[in-house]
Amino acid sequence: MTSAASIADAFAAHRRWLWGLAYRLLGSPADADDVVQETFARAVEHRPAERDGLRPWLTQVATRVALDRLRRRRRRRDAAPWLPGPVPDPLESSAAPTPPPEARYSLMESASLAFLVAMEALTPHQRAVLVLRDVLDLSGAETAAALDSSPGAVRVALYRARQKMADYDADPIALDADARRVAEGLLLRFMTAARAGDVAAVQALLTDDAVALSDGGGRYFAARRPITGPNRIARVYVKLARRASPTAQPRIMWLNGLPALVITDPRPARGQPPLSATQLVVRGGRIAGILAVLADDRLTAVARAVHGGEAVNPGAAQPT
């Protein structure tokens, strides 16, 4: 049985790993914080054996706690879009555990908003298997142990998860320096054209199959269905720019590896959020998607960064 000192040391040593795991499973920085806290509370209560190291036990507990939360969220959710909560950069130190050498997806890509949105198509079990196997590079046996499953069931779940991710894999999000520069330029051009009321200019920036999603968390005005097509999207965003509050304060922030428009408003109108974050999904040099997060519970990390609070993940500075 481990000592209290060993539990404290494990908290320091493994918190980044567990936070990154929980964030990828849930897409919410606030929920990831809660999962880490609950995991270590259980470690203190149950004092696991230390013979094989604490990380496997902690990974198992964190995965199961996160899956319970994910299943509850899925049961409560209505038909409106659900978007993940963004994390301010540097992403490598806030949302990423130790880089695995042979993973199918990089740590940066697997924490991007586009990737997290794509994983919403998976069942909770499939999502956990994909994250553990294809992102964190755990073996089939390690993944089975974390999920209290069998290696055979893990193989089946991974196969089905990869099938559901096929559309994403055909045109994955790019996060290299060139892609980041292109995304920043498109965001600035999009903002300028929308503010100018130039529907044609906004439309020209969009792909023919562009989709805009917004998530108000059931509290703020947001489209309850995806907005599709460049003409409809352009008209909606020009109208939004025209109706922007005079007290709104826009800025560009880097979230999950890419630039985003973050708007704070100390005196928002009824139905409008005090904080929002909008990021573009860029493919082929044009805007293929718009992700607008307005929900308060998804923006806790951005709020801390905007208001100069503590680091996004309090354990980020700890060694892995």
C-alpha atoms as a PDB file:
ATOM      1  CA  MET A   1       0.000   0.000   0.000  1.00  0.00           C
ATOM      2  CA  THR A   2       1.341   3.419  -0.881  1.00  0.00           C
ATOM      3  CA  SER A   3       2.102   6.110   1.649  1.00  0.00           C
ATOM      4  CA  ALA A   4       0.549   9.576   1.719  1.00  0.00           C
ATOM      5  CA  ALA A   5       3.905  10.968   0.574  1.00  0.00           C
ATOM      6  CA  SER A   6       3.896   8.636  -2.437  1.00  0.00           C
ATOM      7  CA  ILE A   7       0.388   9.759  -3.353  1.00  0.00           C
ATOM      8  CA  ALA A   8       1.506  13.402  -3.196  1.00  0.00           C
ATOM      9  CA  ASP A   9       4.530  12.622  -5.358  1.00  0.00           C
ATOM     10  CA  ALA A  10       2.293  10.830  -7.855  1.00  0.00           C
ATOM     11  CA  PHE A  11       0.000  13.843  -7.960  1.00  0.00           C
ATOM     12  CA  ALA A  12       2.951  16.018  -8.974  1.00  0.00           C
ATOM     13  CA  ALA A  13       4.437  13.508 -11.391  1.00  0.00           C
ATOM     14  CA  HIS A  14       1.344  12.372 -13.264  1.00  0.00           C
ATOM     15  CA  ARG A  15      -1.043  15.297 -13.208  1.00  0.00           C
ATOM     16  CA  ARG A  16      -0.153  16.510 -16.720  1.00  0.00           C
ATOM     17  CA  TRP A  17      -0.654  13.018 -18.102  1.00  0.00           C
ATOM     18  CA  LEU A  18      -4.040  12.598 -16.447  1.00  0.00           C
ATOM     19  CA  TRP A  19      -5.222  16.080 -17.377  1.00  0.00           C
ATOM     20  CA  GLY A  20      -4.320  15.543 -21.026  1.00  0.00           C
ATOM     21  CA  LEU A  21      -6.105  12.176 -21.028  1.00  0.00           C
ATOM     22  CA  ALA A  22      -9.251  13.601 -19.424  1.00  0.00           C
ATOM     23  CA  TYR A  23      -9.284  16.636 -21.709  1.00  0.00           C
ATOM     24  CA  ARG A  24      -9.185  14.480 -24.825  1.00  0.00           C
ATOM     25  CA  LEU A  25     -11.915  12.218 -23.491  1.00  0.00           C
ATOM     26  CA  LEU A  26     -14.238  15.051 -22.442  1.00  0.00           C
ATOM     27  CA  GLY A  27     -13.275  18.112 -24.486  1.00  0.00           C
ATOM     28  CA  SER A  28     -13.738  20.331 -21.434  1.00  0.00           C
ATOM     29  CA  PRO A  29     -10.907  21.876 -19.396  1.00  0.00           C
ATOM     30  CA  ALA A  30     -13.157  22.334 -16.368  1.00  0.00           C
ATOM     31  CA  ASP A  31     -14.238  18.690 -16.486  1.00  0.00           C
ATOM     32  CA  ALA A  32     -10.611  17.616 -16.931  1.00  0.00           C
ATOM     33  CA  ASP A  33      -9.714  19.553 -13.761  1.00  0.00           C
ATOM     34  CA  ASP A  34     -12.504  17.751 -11.901  1.00  0.00           C
ATOM     35  CA  VAL A  35     -11.434  14.333 -13.170  1.00  0.00           C
ATOM     36  CA  VAL A  36      -7.862  14.875 -11.971  1.00  0.00           C
ATOM     37  CA  GLN A  37      -9.067  15.985  -8.541  1.00  0.00           C
ATOM     38  CA  GLU A  38     -11.417  13.022  -8.207  1.00  0.00           C
ATOM     39  CA  THR A  39      -8.730  10.585  -9.349  1.00  0.00           C
ATOM     40  CA  PHE A  40      -6.309  11.704  -6.675  1.00  0.00           C
ATOM     41  CA  ALA A  41      -9.037  11.806  -4.049  1.00  0.00           C
ATOM     42  CA  ARG A  42      -9.684   8.141  -4.810  1.00  0.00           C
ATOM     43  CA  ALA A  43      -5.958   7.422  -4.629  1.00  0.00           C
ATOM     44  CA  VAL A  44      -5.795   8.956  -1.166  1.00  0.00           C
ATOM     45  CA  GLU A  45      -8.860   6.987  -0.071  1.00  0.00           C
ATOM     46  CA  HIS A  46      -7.926   3.603  -1.513  1.00  0.00           C
ATOM     47  CA  ARG A  47      -4.087   3.716  -1.355  1.00  0.00           C
ATOM     48  CA  PRO A  48      -3.322   1.510  -4.402  1.00  0.00           C
ATOM     49  CA  ALA A  49      -0.399  -0.926  -4.488  1.00  0.00           C
ATOM     50  CA  GLU A  50       2.809   0.611  -5.774  1.00  0.00           C
ATOM     51  CA  ARG A  51       4.542  -2.472  -7.092  1.00  0.00           C
ATOM     52  CA  ASP A  52       3.867  -1.651 -10.759  1.00  0.00           C
ATOM     53  CA  GLY A  53       4.026   2.111 -10.414  1.00  0.00           C
ATOM     54  CA  LEU A  54       1.022   4.353  -9.888  1.00  0.00           C
ATOM     55  CA  ARG A  55       0.470   5.598 -13.434  1.00  0.00           C
ATOM     56  CA  PRO A  56      -1.456   2.514 -14.699  1.00  0.00           C
ATOM     57  CA  TRP A  57      -3.789   2.614 -11.687  1.00  0.00           C
ATOM     58  CA  LEU A  58      -4.278   6.381 -11.993  1.00  0.00           C
ATOM     59  CA  THR A  59      -4.873   6.070 -15.750  1.00  0.00           C
ATOM     60  CA  GLN A  60      -7.509   3.403 -15.150  1.00  0.00           C
ATOM     61  CA  VAL A  61      -9.332   5.494 -12.545  1.00  0.00           C
ATOM     62  CA  ALA A  62      -9.149   8.724 -14.557  1.00  0.00           C
ATOM     63  CA  THR A  63     -10.406   6.974 -17.696  1.00  0.00           C
ATOM     64  CA  ARG A  64     -13.395   5.481 -15.901  1.00  0.00           C
ATOM     65  CA  VAL A  65     -14.256   8.720 -14.107  1.00  0.00           C
ATOM     66  CA  ALA A  66     -14.069  10.591 -17.416  1.00  0.00           C
ATOM     67  CA  LEU A  67     -16.207   7.999 -19.204  1.00  0.00           C
ATOM     68  CA  ASP A  68     -18.883   8.241 -16.524  1.00  0.00           C
ATOM     69  CA  ARG A  69     -18.995  12.008 -17.066  1.00  0.00           C
ATOM     70  CA  LEU A  70     -19.046  11.613 -20.834  1.00  0.00           C
ATOM     71  CA  ARG A  71     -21.957   9.169 -20.705  1.00  0.00           C
ATOM     72  CA  ARG A  72     -23.939  11.472 -18.416  1.00  0.00           C
ATOM     73  CA  ARG A  73     -23.304  14.403 -20.736  1.00  0.00           C
ATOM     74  CA  ARG A  74     -24.453  12.409 -23.752  1.00  0.00           C
ATOM     75  CA  ARG A  75     -27.671  11.420 -21.985  1.00  0.00           C
ATOM     76  CA  ARG A  76     -28.468  15.031 -21.047  1.00  0.00           C
ATOM     77  CA  ARG A  77     -27.578  16.572 -24.393  1.00  0.00           C
ATOM     78  CA  ASP A  78     -30.264  17.750 -26.781  1.00  0.00           C
ATOM     79  CA  ALA A  79     -30.029  18.008 -30.562  1.00  0.00           C
ATOM     80  CA  ALA A  80     -28.136  21.321 -30.541  1.00  0.00           C
ATOM     81  CA  PRO A  81     -24.419  21.255 -31.428  1.00  0.00           C
ATOM     82  CA  TRP A  82     -21.977  20.551 -28.613  1.00  0.00           C
ATOM     83  CA  LEU A  83     -18.493  22.028 -28.972  1.00  0.00           C
ATOM     84  CA  PRO A  84     -15.355  21.375 -26.933  1.00  0.00           C
ATOM     85  CA  GLY A  85     -13.845  23.961 -24.623  1.00  0.00           C
ATOM     86  CA  PRO A  86     -10.674  25.559 -25.977  1.00  0.00           C
ATOM     87  CA  VAL A  87      -7.356  25.742 -24.159  1.00  0.00           C
ATOM     88  CA  PRO A  88      -4.973  28.702 -24.584  1.00  0.00           C
ATOM     89  CA  ASP A  89      -1.511  27.995 -25.972  1.00  0.00           C
ATOM     90  CA  PRO A  90       1.165  26.906 -25.368  1.00  0.00           C
ATOM     91  CA  LEU A  91      -0.800  23.726 -25.886  1.00  0.00           C
ATOM     92  CA  GLU A  92       2.267  21.543 -25.401  1.00  0.00           C
ATOM     93  CA  SER A  93       2.539  22.515 -21.749  1.00  0.00           C
ATOM     94  CA  SER A  94      -1.141  22.721 -20.913  1.00  0.00           C
ATOM     95  CA  ALA A  95      -2.975  19.862 -22.566  1.00  0.00           C
ATOM     96  CA  ALA A  96      -0.323  17.366 -23.538  1.00  0.00           C
ATOM     97  CA  PRO A  97       1.194  14.443 -21.641  1.00  0.00           C
ATOM     98  CA  THR A  98       4.594  13.040 -22.590  1.00  0.00           C
ATOM     99  CA  PRO A  99       4.799  12.646 -26.401  1.00  0.00           C
ATOM    100  CA  PRO A 100       4.475   8.966 -27.388  1.00  0.00           C
ATOM    101  CA  PRO A 101       6.860   7.857 -30.149  1.00  0.00           C
ATOM    102  CA  GLU A 102       4.559   5.729 -32.304  1.00  0.00           C
ATOM    103  CA  ALA A 103       1.116   7.289 -31.898  1.00  0.00           C
ATOM    104  CA  ARG A 104      -1.232   7.500 -34.885  1.00  0.00           C
ATOM    105  CA  TYR A 105      -2.118  11.110 -34.009  1.00  0.00           C
ATOM    106  CA  SER A 106       0.203  13.751 -32.576  1.00  0.00           C
ATOM    107  CA  LEU A 107      -0.559  15.272 -29.214  1.00  0.00           C
ATOM    108  CA  MET A 108      -1.137  18.683 -30.753  1.00  0.00           C
ATOM    109  CA  GLU A 109      -3.530  17.334 -33.385  1.00  0.00           C
ATOM    110  CA  SER A 110      -5.457  15.186 -30.914  1.00  0.00           C
ATOM    111  CA  ALA A 111      -6.184  18.238 -28.752  1.00  0.00           C
ATOM    112  CA  SER A 112      -7.257  20.454 -31.658  1.00  0.00           C
ATOM    113  CA  LEU A 113     -10.890  21.531 -31.714  1.00  0.00           C
ATOM    114  CA  ALA A 114     -11.445  19.914 -35.111  1.00  0.00           C
ATOM    115  CA  PHE A 115     -10.196  16.549 -33.835  1.00  0.00           C
ATOM    116  CA  LEU A 116     -12.249  16.781 -30.632  1.00  0.00           C
ATOM    117  CA  VAL A 117     -15.348  17.578 -32.700  1.00  0.00           C
ATOM    118  CA  ALA A 118     -14.658  14.588 -34.974  1.00  0.00           C
ATOM    119  CA  MET A 119     -14.453  12.299 -31.932  1.00  0.00           C
ATOM    120  CA  GLU A 120     -18.002  13.277 -30.945  1.00  0.00           C
ATOM    121  CA  ALA A 121     -19.133  10.703 -33.530  1.00  0.00           C
ATOM    122  CA  LEU A 122     -17.626   7.899 -31.412  1.00  0.00           C
ATOM    123  CA  THR A 123     -19.266   6.077 -28.549  1.00  0.00           C
ATOM    124  CA  PRO A 124     -17.655   6.797 -25.155  1.00  0.00           C
ATOM    125  CA  HIS A 125     -15.940   3.395 -25.187  1.00  0.00           C
ATOM    126  CA  GLN A 126     -14.648   3.880 -28.732  1.00  0.00           C
ATOM    127  CA  ARG A 127     -13.391   7.340 -27.853  1.00  0.00           C
ATOM    128  CA  ALA A 128     -11.472   6.024 -24.862  1.00  0.00           C
ATOM    129  CA  VAL A 129      -9.918   3.236 -26.926  1.00  0.00           C
ATOM    130  CA  LEU A 130      -8.904   5.656 -29.683  1.00  0.00           C
ATOM    131  CA  VAL A 131      -7.308   8.087 -27.225  1.00  0.00           C
ATOM    132  CA  LEU A 132      -5.474   5.398 -25.277  1.00  0.00           C
ATOM    133  CA  ARG A 133      -4.254   3.466 -28.328  1.00  0.00           C
ATOM    134  CA  ASP A 134      -3.868   5.997 -31.150  1.00  0.00           C
ATOM    135  CA  VAL A 135      -2.971   9.130 -29.179  1.00  0.00           C
ATOM    136  CA  LEU A 136      -1.253   8.010 -25.983  1.00  0.00           C
ATOM    137  CA  ASP A 137       0.214   4.877 -27.585  1.00  0.00           C
ATOM    138  CA  LEU A 138      -0.787   2.409 -24.879  1.00  0.00           C
ATOM    139  CA  SER A 139      -0.639  -1.237 -25.816  1.00  0.00           C
ATOM    140  CA  GLY A 140      -3.751  -3.307 -26.365  1.00  0.00           C
ATOM    141  CA  ALA A 141      -3.222  -5.011 -23.008  1.00  0.00           C
ATOM    142  CA  GLU A 142      -2.709  -1.694 -21.193  1.00  0.00           C
ATOM    143  CA  THR A 143      -5.827  -0.252 -22.811  1.00  0.00           C
ATOM    144  CA  ALA A 144      -7.860  -3.335 -21.902  1.00  0.00           C
ATOM    145  CA  ALA A 145      -6.699  -3.033 -18.292  1.00  0.00           C
ATOM    146  CA  ALA A 146      -7.591   0.658 -18.150  1.00  0.00           C
ATOM    147  CA  LEU A 147     -11.100  -0.092 -19.421  1.00  0.00           C
ATOM    148  CA  ASP A 148     -11.605  -3.402 -17.579  1.00  0.00           C
ATOM    149  CA  SER A 149     -12.103  -4.988 -20.977  1.00  0.00           C
ATOM    150  CA  SER A 150     -10.419  -7.659 -23.080  1.00  0.00           C
ATOM    151  CA  PRO A 151      -7.755  -7.148 -25.765  1.00  0.00           C
ATOM    152  CA  GLY A 152     -10.171  -8.574 -28.324  1.00  0.00           C
ATOM    153  CA  ALA A 153     -12.890  -6.095 -27.416  1.00  0.00           C
ATOM    154  CA  VAL A 154     -10.325  -3.286 -27.590  1.00  0.00           C
ATOM    155  CA  ARG A 155      -9.313  -4.349 -31.110  1.00  0.00           C
ATOM    156  CA  VAL A 156     -12.945  -4.329 -32.263  1.00  0.00           C
ATOM    157  CA  ALA A 157     -13.634  -0.943 -30.683  1.00  0.00           C
ATOM    158  CA  LEU A 158     -10.478   0.524 -32.205  1.00  0.00           C
ATOM    159  CA  TYR A 159     -11.403  -0.785 -35.651  1.00  0.00           C
ATOM    160  CA  ARG A 160     -14.872   0.779 -35.411  1.00  0.00           C
ATOM    161  CA  ALA A 161     -13.504   4.039 -34.051  1.00  0.00           C
ATOM    162  CA  ARG A 162     -11.036   4.316 -36.933  1.00  0.00           C
ATOM    163  CA  GLN A 163     -13.853   3.654 -39.385  1.00  0.00           C
ATOM    164  CA  LYS A 164     -15.849   6.546 -37.916  1.00  0.00           C
ATOM    165  CA  MET A 165     -12.786   8.798 -38.074  1.00  0.00           C
ATOM    166  CA  ALA A 166     -12.211   7.994 -41.754  1.00  0.00           C
ATOM    167  CA  ASP A 167     -13.644  11.293 -43.027  1.00  0.00           C
ATOM    168  CA  TYR A 168     -11.415  13.242 -40.667  1.00  0.00           C
ATOM    169  CA  ASP A 169      -8.380  11.108 -41.554  1.00  0.00           C
ATOM    170  CA  ALA A 170      -8.944  11.773 -45.254  1.00  0.00           C
ATOM    171  CA  ASP A 171      -8.293  15.478 -44.680  1.00  0.00           C
ATOM    172  CA  PRO A 172      -6.830  15.985 -41.187  1.00  0.00           C
ATOM    173  CA  ILE A 173      -6.290  19.357 -39.574  1.00  0.00           C
ATOM    174  CA  ALA A 174      -2.852  20.873 -40.202  1.00  0.00           C
ATOM    175  CA  LEU A 175      -1.015  22.578 -37.340  1.00  0.00           C
ATOM    176  CA  ASP A 176       2.430  23.293 -38.743  1.00  0.00           C
ATOM    177  CA  ALA A 177       3.818  26.833 -38.951  1.00  0.00           C
ATOM    178  CA  ASP A 178       2.534  27.427 -42.500  1.00  0.00           C
ATOM    179  CA  ALA A 179      -0.957  26.208 -41.616  1.00  0.00           C
ATOM    180  CA  ARG A 180      -1.022  28.461 -38.566  1.00  0.00           C
ATOM    181  CA  ARG A 181      -0.062  31.490 -40.660  1.00  0.00           C
ATOM    182  CA  VAL A 182      -2.748  30.712 -43.246  1.00  0.00           C
ATOM    183  CA  ALA A 183      -5.374  30.280 -40.519  1.00  0.00           C
ATOM    184  CA  GLU A 184      -4.432  33.600 -38.920  1.00  0.00           C
ATOM    185  CA  GLY A 185      -4.614  35.415 -42.253  1.00  0.00           C
ATOM    186  CA  LEU A 186      -8.014  33.914 -43.058  1.00  0.00           C
ATOM    187  CA  LEU A 187      -9.363  34.829 -39.642  1.00  0.00           C
ATOM    188  CA  LEU A 188      -8.286  38.460 -40.050  1.00  0.00           C
ATOM    189  CA  ARG A 189      -9.759  38.641 -43.557  1.00  0.00           C
ATOM    190  CA  PHE A 190     -12.989  37.023 -42.358  1.00  0.00           C
ATOM    191  CA  MET A 191     -13.322  39.525 -39.503  1.00  0.00           C
ATOM    192  CA  THR A 192     -12.598  42.496 -41.769  1.00  0.00           C
ATOM    193  CA  ALA A 193     -15.087  41.446 -44.432  1.00  0.00           C
ATOM    194  CA  ALA A 194     -17.831  40.680 -41.898  1.00  0.00           C
ATOM    195  CA  ARG A 195     -17.401  44.045 -40.168  1.00  0.00           C
ATOM    196  CA  ALA A 196     -17.526  45.793 -43.533  1.00  0.00           C
ATOM    197  CA  GLY A 197     -20.818  44.065 -44.319  1.00  0.00           C
ATOM    198  CA  ASP A 198     -19.302  42.497 -47.440  1.00  0.00           C
ATOM    199  CA  VAL A 199     -21.244  39.257 -47.876  1.00  0.00           C
ATOM    200  CA  ALA A 200     -19.504  38.419 -51.152  1.00  0.00           C
ATOM    201  CA  ALA A 201     -16.044  38.804 -49.605  1.00  0.00           C
ATOM    202  CA  VAL A 202     -16.941  36.563 -46.670  1.00  0.00           C
ATOM    203  CA  GLN A 203     -18.492  34.005 -49.002  1.00  0.00           C
ATOM    204  CA  ALA A 204     -15.352  33.905 -51.151  1.00  0.00           C
ATOM    205  CA  LEU A 205     -13.311  32.762 -48.149  1.00  0.00           C
ATOM    206  CA  LEU A 206     -15.506  29.694 -47.572  1.00  0.00           C
ATOM    207  CA  THR A 207     -15.460  26.272 -49.172  1.00  0.00           C
ATOM    208  CA  ASP A 208     -18.584  25.107 -50.962  1.00  0.00           C
ATOM    209  CA  ASP A 209     -19.338  22.602 -48.196  1.00  0.00           C
ATOM    210  CA  ALA A 210     -18.476  24.879 -45.262  1.00  0.00           C
ATOM    211  CA  VAL A 211     -20.330  24.307 -41.977  1.00  0.00           C
ATOM    212  CA  ALA A 212     -20.686  26.692 -39.036  1.00  0.00           C
ATOM    213  CA  LEU A 213     -21.433  25.354 -35.552  1.00  0.00           C
ATOM    214  CA  SER A 214     -22.203  27.374 -32.444  1.00  0.00           C
ATOM    215  CA  ASP A 215     -22.769  26.243 -28.869  1.00  0.00           C
ATOM    216  CA  GLY A 216     -24.497  28.555 -26.414  1.00  0.00           C
ATOM    217  CA  GLY A 217     -24.797  25.930 -23.709  1.00  0.00           C
ATOM    218  CA  GLY A 218     -28.560  26.415 -23.613  1.00  0.00           C
ATOM    219  CA  ARG A 219     -28.071  29.869 -22.128  1.00  0.00           C
ATOM    220  CA  TYR A 220     -27.042  32.168 -24.964  1.00  0.00           C
ATOM    221  CA  PHE A 221     -28.403  32.743 -28.461  1.00  0.00           C
ATOM    222  CA  ALA A 222     -26.834  30.225 -30.849  1.00  0.00           C
ATOM    223  CA  ALA A 223     -27.926  28.313 -33.935  1.00  0.00           C
ATOM    224  CA  ARG A 224     -29.518  25.046 -32.872  1.00  0.00           C
ATOM    225  CA  ARG A 225     -28.596  23.415 -36.163  1.00  0.00           C
ATOM    226  CA  PRO A 226     -25.437  23.577 -38.260  1.00  0.00           C
ATOM    227  CA  ILE A 227     -25.396  26.450 -40.741  1.00  0.00           C
ATOM    228  CA  THR A 228     -24.338  25.069 -44.099  1.00  0.00           C
ATOM    229  CA  GLY A 229     -23.142  26.638 -47.334  1.00  0.00           C
ATOM    230  CA  PRO A 230     -21.060  29.756 -47.940  1.00  0.00           C
ATOM    231  CA  ASN A 231     -23.996  32.064 -48.710  1.00  0.00           C
ATOM    232  CA  ARG A 232     -25.949  31.289 -45.554  1.00  0.00           C
ATOM    233  CA  ILE A 233     -22.849  31.412 -43.363  1.00  0.00           C
ATOM    234  CA  ALA A 234     -21.703  34.730 -44.860  1.00  0.00           C
ATOM    235  CA  ARG A 235     -25.085  36.360 -44.323  1.00  0.00           C
ATOM    236  CA  VAL A 236     -25.317  35.154 -40.735  1.00  0.00           C
ATOM    237  CA  TYR A 237     -21.865  36.412 -39.777  1.00  0.00           C
ATOM    238  CA  VAL A 238     -22.298  39.759 -41.502  1.00  0.00           C
ATOM    239  CA  LYS A 239     -25.541  40.184 -39.571  1.00  0.00           C
ATOM    240  CA  LEU A 240     -23.785  39.242 -36.317  1.00  0.00           C
ATOM    241  CA  ALA A 241     -21.015  41.745 -36.993  1.00  0.00           C
ATOM    242  CA  ARG A 242     -23.570  44.452 -37.723  1.00  0.00           C
ATOM    243  CA  ARG A 243     -25.317  43.751 -34.406  1.00  0.00           C
ATOM    244  CA  ALA A 244     -22.123  43.582 -32.344  1.00  0.00           C
ATOM    245  CA  SER A 245     -22.324  45.260 -28.959  1.00  0.00           C
ATOM    246  CA  PRO A 246     -20.504  48.619 -28.668  1.00  0.00           C
ATOM    247  CA  THR A 247     -18.892  47.334 -25.475  1.00  0.00           C
ATOM    248  CA  ALA A 248     -17.534  44.159 -27.115  1.00  0.00           C
ATOM    249  CA  GLN A 249     -13.740  43.828 -27.035  1.00  0.00           C
ATOM    250  CA  PRO A 250     -12.345  41.479 -29.721  1.00  0.00           C
ATOM    251  CA  ARG A 251      -8.849  40.031 -29.696  1.00  0.00           C
ATOM    252  CA  ILE A 252      -6.926  37.239 -31.378  1.00  0.00           C
ATOM    253  CA  MET A 253      -5.797  34.416 -29.089  1.00  0.00           C
ATOM    254  CA  TRP A 254      -4.076  31.143 -29.877  1.00  0.00           C
ATOM    255  CA  LEU A 255      -6.257  28.263 -28.754  1.00  0.00           C
ATOM    256  CA  ASN A 256      -5.506  24.565 -29.251  1.00  0.00           C
ATOM    257  CA  GLY A 257      -2.753  25.334 -31.711  1.00  0.00           C
ATOM    258  CA  LEU A 258      -4.633  27.783 -33.939  1.00  0.00           C
ATOM    259  CA  PRO A 259      -5.781  31.416 -33.814  1.00  0.00           C
ATOM    260  CA  ALA A 260      -9.258  32.263 -32.571  1.00  0.00           C
ATOM    261  CA  LEU A 261     -11.364  35.377 -32.239  1.00  0.00           C
ATOM    262  CA  VAL A 262     -12.052  35.884 -28.522  1.00  0.00           C
ATOM    263  CA  ILE A 263     -14.639  38.518 -27.609  1.00  0.00           C
ATOM    264  CA  THR A 264     -15.195  39.817 -24.104  1.00  0.00           C
ATOM    265  CA  ASP A 265     -18.131  42.069 -23.293  1.00  0.00           C
ATOM    266  CA  PRO A 266     -18.517  43.646 -19.842  1.00  0.00           C
ATOM    267  CA  ARG A 267     -22.130  44.631 -20.609  1.00  0.00           C
ATOM    268  CA  PRO A 268     -23.562  42.050 -22.983  1.00  0.00           C
ATOM    269  CA  ALA A 269     -27.102  42.388 -24.279  1.00  0.00           C
ATOM    270  CA  ARG A 270     -29.716  39.900 -23.129  1.00  0.00           C
ATOM    271  CA  GLY A 271     -29.000  36.462 -24.539  1.00  0.00           C
ATOM    272  CA  GLN A 272     -25.423  37.379 -25.455  1.00  0.00           C
ATOM    273  CA  PRO A 273     -22.382  35.923 -23.661  1.00  0.00           C
ATOM    274  CA  PRO A 274     -19.773  37.912 -21.752  1.00  0.00           C
ATOM    275  CA  LEU A 275     -17.109  35.750 -23.396  1.00  0.00           C
ATOM    276  CA  SER A 276     -16.949  33.813 -26.652  1.00  0.00           C
ATOM    277  CA  ALA A 277     -14.289  32.094 -28.733  1.00  0.00           C
ATOM    278  CA  THR A 278     -14.575  31.436 -32.465  1.00  0.00           C
ATOM    279  CA  GLN A 279     -12.081  29.369 -34.422  1.00  0.00           C
ATOM    280  CA  LEU A 280     -11.869  28.467 -38.103  1.00  0.00           C
ATOM    281  CA  VAL A 281     -11.318  25.019 -39.574  1.00  0.00           C
ATOM    282  CA  VAL A 282      -9.086  25.580 -42.597  1.00  0.00           C
ATOM    283  CA  ARG A 283      -8.653  23.162 -45.471  1.00  0.00           C
ATOM    284  CA  GLY A 284      -7.020  23.883 -48.800  1.00  0.00           C
ATOM    285  CA  GLY A 285      -6.430  27.529 -47.937  1.00  0.00           C
ATOM    286  CA  ARG A 286     -10.131  28.258 -47.344  1.00  0.00           C
ATOM    287  CA  ILE A 287     -12.538  28.130 -44.429  1.00  0.00           C
ATOM    288  CA  ALA A 288     -14.251  24.739 -44.209  1.00  0.00           C
ATOM    289  CA  GLY A 289     -15.750  25.220 -40.765  1.00  0.00           C
ATOM    290  CA  ILE A 290     -16.483  27.763 -38.052  1.00  0.00           C
ATOM    291  CA  LEU A 291     -16.619  26.701 -34.403  1.00  0.00           C
ATOM    292  CA  ALA A 292     -18.139  29.312 -32.070  1.00  0.00           C
ATOM    293  CA  VAL A 293     -18.063  28.458 -28.356  1.00  0.00           C
ATOM    294  CA  LEU A 294     -20.266  30.624 -26.126  1.00  0.00           C
ATOM    295  CA  ALA A 295     -21.011  28.215 -23.267  1.00  0.00           C
ATOM    296  CA  ASP A 296     -19.556  29.409 -19.951  1.00  0.00           C
ATOM    297  CA  ASP A 297     -18.621  25.950 -18.693  1.00  0.00           C
ATOM    298  CA  ARG A 298     -16.506  25.341 -21.811  1.00  0.00           C
ATOM    299  CA  LEU A 299     -14.618  28.655 -21.589  1.00  0.00           C
ATOM    300  CA  THR A 300     -13.138  28.444 -18.093  1.00  0.00           C
ATOM    301  CA  ALA A 301      -9.564  28.107 -19.377  1.00  0.00           C
ATOM    302  CA  VAL A 302      -9.960  31.020 -21.785  1.00  0.00           C
ATOM    303  CA  ALA A 303     -11.533  33.138 -19.044  1.00  0.00           C
ATOM    304  CA  ARG A 304      -8.557  32.516 -16.758  1.00  0.00           C
ATOM    305  CA  ALA A 305      -6.157  33.503 -19.509  1.00  0.00           C
ATOM    306  CA  VAL A 306      -8.128  36.623 -20.454  1.00  0.00           C
ATOM    307  CA  HIS A 307      -8.351  37.805 -16.875  1.00  0.00           C
ATOM    308  CA  GLY A 308      -4.771  36.926 -15.986  1.00  0.00           C
ATOM    309  CA  GLY A 309      -5.632  34.087 -13.642  1.00  0.00           C
ATOM    310  CA  GLU A 310      -3.780  30.893 -12.908  1.00  0.00           C
ATOM    311  CA  ALA A 311      -2.389  28.623 -15.575  1.00  0.00           C
ATOM    312  CA  VAL A 312      -4.870  26.625 -17.652  1.00  0.00           C
ATOM    313  CA  ASN A 313      -3.710  23.367 -16.106  1.00  0.00           C
ATOM    314  CA  PRO A 314      -2.214  23.923 -12.647  1.00  0.00           C
ATOM    315  CA  GLY A 315      -0.096  20.810 -13.097  1.00  0.00           C
ATOM    316  CA  ALA A 316       1.351  21.841 -16.443  1.00  0.00           C
ATOM    317  CA  ALA A 317       4.715  22.870 -15.071  1.00  0.00           C
ATOM    318  CA  GLN A 318       5.255  19.550 -13.323  1.00  0.00           C
ATOM    319  CA  PRO A 319       7.592  16.980 -14.859  1.00  0.00           C
ATOM    320  CA  THR A 320       6.111  13.987 -16.623  1.00  0.00           C
END
